[in-house]
């Protein structure tokens, strides 16, 4: 039995999270300097985030603060989507 194509995988890049969607950071990709920098910005593992908008520049809300990321940076932040609970 195969999964329906509309069911999201457990982890996806932040840039692929739909606008208005929430997720929990699962892993950071990239070099050590990048990982340290985004952790300092609040994107540490297990952090709850909300993608506010964007495709090329991604606007997110993290710990009550809105932060803009490039698409490339958002591609290296892997999140687990959190459903809205329908």
PDB file of N, CA and C in Angstrom:
ATOM      1  N   UNK A   1       0.851  -1.180   0.000  1.00  0.00           N
ATOM      2  CA  UNK A   1       0.000   0.000   0.000  1.00  0.00           C
ATOM      3  C   UNK A   1       0.890   1.235   0.000  1.00  0.00           C
ATOM      4  N   UNK A   2       0.693   2.139  -0.931  1.00  0.00           N
ATOM      5  CA  UNK A   2       1.525   3.343  -1.016  1.00  0.00           C
ATOM      6  C   UNK A   2       0.827   4.517  -0.328  1.00  0.00           C
ATOM      7  N   UNK A   3       1.657   5.440   0.125  1.00  0.00           N
ATOM      8  CA  UNK A   3       1.125   6.637   0.769  1.00  0.00           C
ATOM      9  C   UNK A   3       0.572   7.597  -0.272  1.00  0.00           C
ATOM     10  N   UNK A   4      -0.409   8.352   0.107  1.00  0.00           N
ATOM     11  CA  UNK A   4      -0.982   9.368  -0.764  1.00  0.00           C
ATOM     12  C   UNK A   4       0.063  10.437  -1.037  1.00  0.00           C
ATOM     13  N   UNK A   5       0.172  10.956  -2.260  1.00  0.00           N
ATOM     14  CA  UNK A   5       1.194  11.942  -2.574  1.00  0.00           C
ATOM     15  C   UNK A   5       1.040  13.268  -1.839  1.00  0.00           C
ATOM     16  N   UNK A   6      -0.132  13.565  -1.274  1.00  0.00           N
ATOM     17  CA  UNK A   6      -0.309  14.843  -0.581  1.00  0.00           C
ATOM     18  C   UNK A   6       0.099  14.783   0.884  1.00  0.00           C
ATOM     19  N   UNK A   7       0.473  13.601   1.389  1.00  0.00           N
ATOM     20  CA  UNK A   7       0.940  13.492   2.769  1.00  0.00           C
ATOM     21  C   UNK A   7       2.394  13.921   2.815  1.00  0.00           C
ATOM     22  N   UNK A   8       2.737  14.929   3.632  1.00  0.00           N
ATOM     23  CA  UNK A   8       4.109  15.421   3.658  1.00  0.00           C
ATOM     24  C   UNK A   8       5.060  14.402   4.267  1.00  0.00           C
ATOM     25  N   UNK A   9       6.317  14.436   3.808  1.00  0.00           N
ATOM     26  CA  UNK A   9       7.332  13.585   4.415  1.00  0.00           C
ATOM     27  C   UNK A   9       7.620  14.114   5.818  1.00  0.00           C
ATOM     28  N   UNK A  10       8.251  13.305   6.664  1.00  0.00           N
ATOM     29  CA  UNK A  10       8.489  13.747   8.034  1.00  0.00           C
ATOM     30  C   UNK A  10       9.344  15.021   8.129  1.00  0.00           C
ATOM     31  N   UNK A  11      10.264  15.214   7.190  1.00  0.00           N
ATOM     32  CA  UNK A  11      11.124  16.391   7.212  1.00  0.00           C
ATOM     33  C   UNK A  11      11.154  17.023   5.827  1.00  0.00           C
ATOM     34  N   UNK A  12      11.118  18.335   5.788  1.00  0.00           N
ATOM     35  CA  UNK A  12      11.258  19.034   4.522  1.00  0.00           C
ATOM     36  C   UNK A  12      12.002  20.339   4.771  1.00  0.00           C
ATOM     37  N   UNK A  13      12.624  20.858   3.728  1.00  0.00           N
ATOM     38  CA  UNK A  13      13.313  22.141   3.891  1.00  0.00           C
ATOM     39  C   UNK A  13      12.312  23.245   4.232  1.00  0.00           C
ATOM     40  N   UNK A  14      12.732  24.174   5.059  1.00  0.00           N
ATOM     41  CA  UNK A  14      11.884  25.291   5.461  1.00  0.00           C
ATOM     42  C   UNK A  14      11.323  26.034   4.258  1.00  0.00           C
ATOM     43  N   UNK A  15      12.080  26.139   3.180  1.00  0.00           N
ATOM     44  CA  UNK A  15      11.601  26.849   1.992  1.00  0.00           C
ATOM     45  C   UNK A  15      10.385  26.162   1.370  1.00  0.00           C
ATOM     46  N   UNK A  16      10.168  24.873   1.650  1.00  0.00           N
ATOM     47  CA  UNK A  16       9.027  24.142   1.099  1.00  0.00           C
ATOM     48  C   UNK A  16       7.810  24.133   2.024  1.00  0.00           C
ATOM     49  N   UNK A  17       7.962  24.613   3.241  1.00  0.00           N
ATOM     50  CA  UNK A  17       6.822  24.719   4.150  1.00  0.00           C
ATOM     51  C   UNK A  17       5.871  25.774   3.594  1.00  0.00           C
ATOM     52  N   UNK A  18       4.580  25.500   3.536  1.00  0.00           N
ATOM     53  CA  UNK A  18       3.660  26.497   2.981  1.00  0.00           C
ATOM     54  C   UNK A  18       3.572  27.750   3.855  1.00  0.00           C
ATOM     55  N   UNK A  19       3.311  28.890   3.226  1.00  0.00           N
ATOM     56  CA  UNK A  19       3.125  30.141   3.970  1.00  0.00           C
ATOM     57  C   UNK A  19       1.997  29.957   4.972  1.00  0.00           C
ATOM     58  N   UNK A  20       2.219  30.384   6.193  1.00  0.00           N
ATOM     59  CA  UNK A  20       1.243  30.210   7.255  1.00  0.00           C
ATOM     60  C   UNK A  20       1.420  28.909   8.015  1.00  0.00           C
ATOM     61  N   UNK A  21       2.280  28.029   7.491  1.00  0.00           N
ATOM     62  CA  UNK A  21       2.498  26.733   8.133  1.00  0.00           C
ATOM     63  C   UNK A  21       3.482  26.821   9.284  1.00  0.00           C
ATOM     64  N   UNK A  22       3.350  25.875  10.192  1.00  0.00           N
ATOM     65  CA  UNK A  22       4.253  25.784  11.334  1.00  0.00           C
ATOM     66  C   UNK A  22       5.026  24.484  11.262  1.00  0.00           C
ATOM     67  N   UNK A  23       6.189  24.498  11.880  1.00  0.00           N
ATOM     68  CA  UNK A  23       7.008  23.296  11.917  1.00  0.00           C
ATOM     69  C   UNK A  23       7.985  23.353  13.066  1.00  0.00           C
ATOM     70  N   UNK A  24       8.607  22.219  13.320  1.00  0.00           N
ATOM     71  CA  UNK A  24       9.623  22.121  14.355  1.00  0.00           C
ATOM     72  C   UNK A  24      10.942  21.783  13.662  1.00  0.00           C
ATOM     73  N   UNK A  25      11.987  22.550  13.954  1.00  0.00           N
ATOM     74  CA  UNK A  25      13.299  22.318  13.347  1.00  0.00           C
ATOM     75  C   UNK A  25      13.794  20.952  13.793  1.00  0.00           C
ATOM     76  N   UNK A  26      14.178  20.131  12.809  1.00  0.00           N
ATOM     77  CA  UNK A  26      14.668  18.786  13.083  1.00  0.00           C
ATOM     78  C   UNK A  26      16.176  18.675  12.901  1.00  0.00           C
ATOM     79  N   UNK A  27      16.704  19.374  11.898  1.00  0.00           N
ATOM     80  CA  UNK A  27      18.132  19.276  11.601  1.00  0.00           C
ATOM     81  C   UNK A  27      18.566  20.495  10.799  1.00  0.00           C
ATOM     82  N   UNK A  28      19.853  20.772  10.879  1.00  0.00           N
ATOM     83  CA  UNK A  28      20.460  21.844  10.098  1.00  0.00           C
ATOM     84  C   UNK A  28      21.489  21.223   9.178  1.00  0.00           C
ATOM     85  N   UNK A  29      21.483  21.640   7.924  1.00  0.00           N
ATOM     86  CA  UNK A  29      22.465  21.174   6.956  1.00  0.00           C
ATOM     87  C   UNK A  29      23.422  22.329   6.683  1.00  0.00           C
ATOM     88  N   UNK A  30      24.513  22.041   6.035  1.00  0.00           N
ATOM     89  CA  UNK A  30      25.479  23.095   5.729  1.00  0.00           C
ATOM     90  C   UNK A  30      26.703  22.984   6.613  1.00  0.00           C
ATOM     91  N   UNK A  31      27.617  23.915   6.412  1.00  0.00           N
ATOM     92  CA  UNK A  31      28.860  23.863   7.175  1.00  0.00           C
ATOM     93  C   UNK A  31      28.643  24.313   8.616  1.00  0.00           C
ATOM     94  N   UNK A  32      29.648  24.093   9.439  1.00  0.00           N
ATOM     95  CA  UNK A  32      29.544  24.390  10.872  1.00  0.00           C
ATOM     96  C   UNK A  32      29.276  25.865  11.127  1.00  0.00           C
ATOM     97  N   UNK A  33      29.854  26.750  10.332  1.00  0.00           N
ATOM     98  CA  UNK A  33      29.650  28.193  10.519  1.00  0.00           C
ATOM     99  C   UNK A  33      28.188  28.566  10.264  1.00  0.00           C
ATOM    100  N   UNK A  34      27.600  28.023   9.199  1.00  0.00           N
ATOM    101  CA  UNK A  34      26.188  28.285   8.905  1.00  0.00           C
ATOM    102  C   UNK A  34      25.309  27.778  10.048  1.00  0.00           C
ATOM    103  N   UNK A  35      25.537  26.536  10.479  1.00  0.00           N
ATOM    104  CA  UNK A  35      24.718  25.941  11.542  1.00  0.00           C
ATOM    105  C   UNK A  35      24.803  26.764  12.824  1.00  0.00           C
ATOM    106  N   UNK A  36      26.003  27.202  13.181  1.00  0.00           N
ATOM    107  CA  UNK A  36      26.163  28.012  14.386  1.00  0.00           C
ATOM    108  C   UNK A  36      25.416  29.333  14.244  1.00  0.00           C
ATOM    109  N   UNK A  37      25.510  29.970  13.081  1.00  0.00           N
ATOM    110  CA  UNK A  37      24.858  31.266  12.871  1.00  0.00           C
ATOM    111  C   UNK A  37      23.341  31.162  12.978  1.00  0.00           C
ATOM    112  N   UNK A  38      22.732  30.164  12.326  1.00  0.00           N
ATOM    113  CA  UNK A  38      21.275  30.061  12.395  1.00  0.00           C
ATOM    114  C   UNK A  38      20.808  29.635  13.784  1.00  0.00           C
ATOM    115  N   UNK A  39      21.622  28.863  14.506  1.00  0.00           N
ATOM    116  CA  UNK A  39      21.276  28.562  15.908  1.00  0.00           C
ATOM    117  C   UNK A  39      21.253  29.854  16.729  1.00  0.00           C
ATOM    118  N   UNK A  40      22.234  30.735  16.498  1.00  0.00           N
ATOM    119  CA  UNK A  40      22.274  32.011  17.206  1.00  0.00           C
ATOM    120  C   UNK A  40      21.071  32.880  16.865  1.00  0.00           C
ATOM    121  N   UNK A  41      20.516  32.708  15.661  1.00  0.00           N
ATOM    122  CA  UNK A  41      19.337  33.467  15.244  1.00  0.00           C
ATOM    123  C   UNK A  41      18.055  32.876  15.828  1.00  0.00           C
ATOM    124  N   UNK A  42      18.139  31.696  16.427  1.00  0.00           N
ATOM    125  CA  UNK A  42      16.971  31.078  17.041  1.00  0.00           C
ATOM    126  C   UNK A  42      16.482  29.819  16.367  1.00  0.00           C
ATOM    127  N   UNK A  43      17.146  29.381  15.290  1.00  0.00           N
ATOM    128  CA  UNK A  43      16.701  28.204  14.543  1.00  0.00           C
ATOM    129  C   UNK A  43      17.383  26.926  15.032  1.00  0.00           C
ATOM    130  N   UNK A  44      17.471  26.740  16.337  1.00  0.00           N
ATOM    131  CA  UNK A  44      18.069  25.526  16.878  1.00  0.00           C
ATOM    132  C   UNK A  44      17.147  24.338  16.716  1.00  0.00           C
ATOM    133  N   UNK A  45      17.740  23.155  16.813  1.00  0.00           N
ATOM    134  CA  UNK A  45      16.960  21.933  16.725  1.00  0.00           C
ATOM    135  C   UNK A  45      15.861  21.942  17.786  1.00  0.00           C
ATOM    136  N   UNK A  46      14.691  21.486  17.410  1.00  0.00           N
ATOM    137  CA  UNK A  46      13.476  21.404  18.243  1.00  0.00           C
ATOM    138  C   UNK A  46      12.731  22.722  18.392  1.00  0.00           C
ATOM    139  N   UNK A  47      13.218  23.799  17.777  1.00  0.00           N
ATOM    140  CA  UNK A  47      12.542  25.090  17.873  1.00  0.00           C
ATOM    141  C   UNK A  47      11.274  25.090  17.014  1.00  0.00           C
ATOM    142  N   UNK A  48      10.208  25.631  17.545  1.00  0.00           N
ATOM    143  CA  UNK A  48       8.954  25.783  16.815  1.00  0.00           C
ATOM    144  C   UNK A  48       9.024  27.065  16.000  1.00  0.00           C
ATOM    145  N   UNK A  49       8.710  26.961  14.705  1.00  0.00           N
ATOM    146  CA  UNK A  49       8.752  28.125  13.823  1.00  0.00           C
ATOM    147  C   UNK A  49       7.457  28.218  13.026  1.00  0.00           C
ATOM    148  N   UNK A  50       7.193  29.408  12.514  1.00  0.00           N
ATOM    149  CA  UNK A  50       6.068  29.629  11.609  1.00  0.00           C
ATOM    150  C   UNK A  50       6.598  30.352  10.385  1.00  0.00           C
ATOM    151  N   UNK A  51       6.279  29.828   9.209  1.00  0.00           N
ATOM    152  CA  UNK A  51       6.655  30.510   7.971  1.00  0.00           C
ATOM    153  C   UNK A  51       5.558  31.515   7.667  1.00  0.00           C
ATOM    154  N   UNK A  52       5.907  32.789   7.683  1.00  0.00           N
ATOM    155  CA  UNK A  52       4.934  33.848   7.469  1.00  0.00           C
ATOM    156  C   UNK A  52       4.662  34.008   5.978  1.00  0.00           C
ATOM    157  N   UNK A  53       5.715  34.091   5.170  1.00  0.00           N
ATOM    158  CA  UNK A  53       5.550  34.273   3.734  1.00  0.00           C
ATOM    159  C   UNK A  53       6.876  34.051   3.032  1.00  0.00           C
ATOM    160  N   UNK A  54       6.793  34.062   1.706  1.00  0.00           N
ATOM    161  CA  UNK A  54       7.997  34.110   0.902  1.00  0.00           C
ATOM    162  C   UNK A  54       8.312  32.872   0.109  1.00  0.00           C
ATOM    163  N   UNK A  55       9.045  33.129  -0.991  1.00  0.00           N
ATOM    164  CA  UNK A  55       9.593  32.050  -1.807  1.00  0.00           C
ATOM    165  C   UNK A  55      11.092  32.276  -2.023  1.00  0.00           C
ATOM    166  N   UNK A  56      11.480  33.464  -2.439  1.00  0.00           N
ATOM    167  CA  UNK A  56      12.906  33.779  -2.600  1.00  0.00           C
ATOM    168  C   UNK A  56      13.497  34.259  -1.285  1.00  0.00           C
ATOM    169  N   UNK A  57      12.819  35.159  -0.621  1.00  0.00           N
ATOM    170  CA  UNK A  57      13.167  35.569   0.734  1.00  0.00           C
ATOM    171  C   UNK A  57      12.074  35.031   1.637  1.00  0.00           C
ATOM    172  N   UNK A  58      12.469  34.261   2.634  1.00  0.00           N
ATOM    173  CA  UNK A  58      11.530  33.574   3.499  1.00  0.00           C
ATOM    174  C   UNK A  58      11.396  34.364   4.799  1.00  0.00           C
ATOM    175  N   UNK A  59      10.187  34.761   5.155  1.00  0.00           N
ATOM    176  CA  UNK A  59       9.935  35.467   6.406  1.00  0.00           C
ATOM    177  C   UNK A  59       9.350  34.465   7.402  1.00  0.00           C
ATOM    178  N   UNK A  60      10.024  34.317   8.546  1.00  0.00           N
ATOM    179  CA  UNK A  60       9.605  33.361   9.568  1.00  0.00           C
ATOM    180  C   UNK A  60       9.430  34.050  10.903  1.00  0.00           C
ATOM    181  N   UNK A  61       8.639  33.440  11.740  1.00  0.00           N
ATOM    182  CA  UNK A  61       8.512  33.898  13.118  1.00  0.00           C
ATOM    183  C   UNK A  61       9.122  32.822  13.999  1.00  0.00           C
ATOM    184  N   UNK A  62      10.114  33.238  14.804  1.00  0.00           N
ATOM    185  CA  UNK A  62      10.844  32.335  15.683  1.00  0.00           C
ATOM    186  C   UNK A  62      10.934  32.993  17.055  1.00  0.00           C
ATOM    187  N   UNK A  63      10.438  32.334  18.068  1.00  0.00           N
ATOM    188  CA  UNK A  63      10.502  32.871  19.433  1.00  0.00           C
ATOM    189  C   UNK A  63       9.965  34.299  19.521  1.00  0.00           C
ATOM    190  N   UNK A  64       8.878  34.582  18.799  1.00  0.00           N
ATOM    191  CA  UNK A  64       8.249  35.899  18.851  1.00  0.00           C
ATOM    192  C   UNK A  64       8.912  36.966  18.006  1.00  0.00           C
ATOM    193  N   UNK A  65       9.931  36.599  17.227  1.00  0.00           N
ATOM    194  CA  UNK A  65      10.662  37.556  16.398  1.00  0.00           C
ATOM    195  C   UNK A  65      10.540  37.138  14.939  1.00  0.00           C
ATOM    196  N   UNK A  66      10.314  38.113  14.055  1.00  0.00           N
ATOM    197  CA  UNK A  66      10.280  37.813  12.611  1.00  0.00           C
ATOM    198  C   UNK A  66      11.675  37.955  12.034  1.00  0.00           C
ATOM    199  N   UNK A  67      12.088  36.939  11.281  1.00  0.00           N
ATOM    200  CA  UNK A  67      13.426  36.891  10.699  1.00  0.00           C
ATOM    201  C   UNK A  67      13.290  36.546   9.226  1.00  0.00           C
ATOM    202  N   UNK A  68      14.028  37.269   8.383  1.00  0.00           N
ATOM    203  CA  UNK A  68      14.056  36.984   6.950  1.00  0.00           C
ATOM    204  C   UNK A  68      15.294  36.152   6.633  1.00  0.00           C
ATOM    205  N   UNK A  69      15.093  35.112   5.815  1.00  0.00           N
ATOM    206  CA  UNK A  69      16.177  34.242   5.378  1.00  0.00           C
ATOM    207  C   UNK A  69      16.191  34.168   3.859  1.00  0.00           C
ATOM    208  N   UNK A  70      17.350  33.949   3.300  1.00  0.00           N
ATOM    209  CA  UNK A  70      17.425  33.692   1.866  1.00  0.00           C
ATOM    210  C   UNK A  70      16.861  32.294   1.591  1.00  0.00           C
ATOM    211  N   UNK A  71      16.490  32.067   0.357  1.00  0.00           N
ATOM    212  CA  UNK A  71      15.991  30.750  -0.039  1.00  0.00           C
ATOM    213  C   UNK A  71      17.054  29.690   0.225  1.00  0.00           C
ATOM    214  N   UNK A  72      18.309  30.011  -0.071  1.00  0.00           N
ATOM    215  CA  UNK A  72      19.400  29.063   0.155  1.00  0.00           C
ATOM    216  C   UNK A  72      19.559  28.687   1.613  1.00  0.00           C
ATOM    217  N   UNK A  73      19.433  29.665   2.503  1.00  0.00           N
ATOM    218  CA  UNK A  73      19.532  29.374   3.937  1.00  0.00           C
ATOM    219  C   UNK A  73      18.342  28.529   4.378  1.00  0.00           C
ATOM    220  N   UNK A  74      17.147  28.883   3.928  1.00  0.00           N
ATOM    221  CA  UNK A  74      15.943  28.146   4.314  1.00  0.00           C
ATOM    222  C   UNK A  74      15.981  26.710   3.808  1.00  0.00           C
ATOM    223  N   UNK A  75      16.664  26.484   2.703  1.00  0.00           N
ATOM    224  CA  UNK A  75      16.781  25.137   2.145  1.00  0.00           C
ATOM    225  C   UNK A  75      17.594  24.235   3.085  1.00  0.00           C
ATOM    226  N   UNK A  76      18.467  24.817   3.899  1.00  0.00           N
ATOM    227  CA  UNK A  76      19.327  24.043   4.790  1.00  0.00           C
ATOM    228  C   UNK A  76      18.760  23.866   6.197  1.00  0.00           C
ATOM    229  N   UNK A  77      17.536  24.325   6.428  1.00  0.00           N
ATOM    230  CA  UNK A  77      16.873  24.135   7.721  1.00  0.00           C
ATOM    231  C   UNK A  77      15.739  23.137   7.501  1.00  0.00           C
ATOM    232  N   UNK A  78      15.895  21.947   8.045  1.00  0.00           N
ATOM    233  CA  UNK A  78      14.912  20.891   7.842  1.00  0.00           C
ATOM    234  C   UNK A  78      13.896  20.908   8.988  1.00  0.00           C
ATOM    235  N   UNK A  79      12.622  20.896   8.625  1.00  0.00           N
ATOM    236  CA  UNK A  79      11.551  20.987   9.609  1.00  0.00           C
ATOM    237  C   UNK A  79      10.579  19.824   9.469  1.00  0.00           C
ATOM    238  N   UNK A  80       9.901  19.536  10.563  1.00  0.00           N
ATOM    239  CA  UNK A  80       8.784  18.589  10.555  1.00  0.00           C
ATOM    240  C   UNK A  80       7.518  19.435  10.632  1.00  0.00           C
ATOM    241  N   UNK A  81       6.698  19.395   9.590  1.00  0.00           N
ATOM    242  CA  UNK A  81       5.462  20.188   9.622  1.00  0.00           C
ATOM    243  C   UNK A  81       4.562  19.789  10.789  1.00  0.00           C
ATOM    244  N   UNK A  82       3.885  20.771  11.346  1.00  0.00           N
ATOM    245  CA  UNK A  82       2.928  20.543  12.417  1.00  0.00           C
ATOM    246  C   UNK A  82       1.550  20.859  11.860  1.00  0.00           C
ATOM    247  N   UNK A  83       0.663  19.881  11.915  1.00  0.00           N
ATOM    248  CA  UNK A  83      -0.675  20.092  11.368  1.00  0.00           C
ATOM    249  C   UNK A  83      -1.465  21.029  12.265  1.00  0.00           C
ATOM    250  N   UNK A  84      -2.454  21.674  11.662  1.00  0.00           N
ATOM    251  CA  UNK A  84      -3.285  22.610  12.404  1.00  0.00           C
ATOM    252  C   UNK A  84      -4.347  21.896  13.240  1.00  0.00           C
ATOM    253  N   UNK A  85      -4.411  20.589  13.113  1.00  0.00           N
ATOM    254  CA  UNK A  85      -5.319  19.809  13.974  1.00  0.00           C
ATOM    255  C   UNK A  85      -6.764  19.800  13.539  1.00  0.00           C
ATOM    256  N   UNK A  86      -7.037  19.503  12.265  1.00  0.00           N
ATOM    257  CA  UNK A  86      -8.421  19.423  11.778  1.00  0.00           C
ATOM    258  C   UNK A  86      -9.108  18.201  12.311  1.00  0.00           C
TER     259      UNK A  86
END
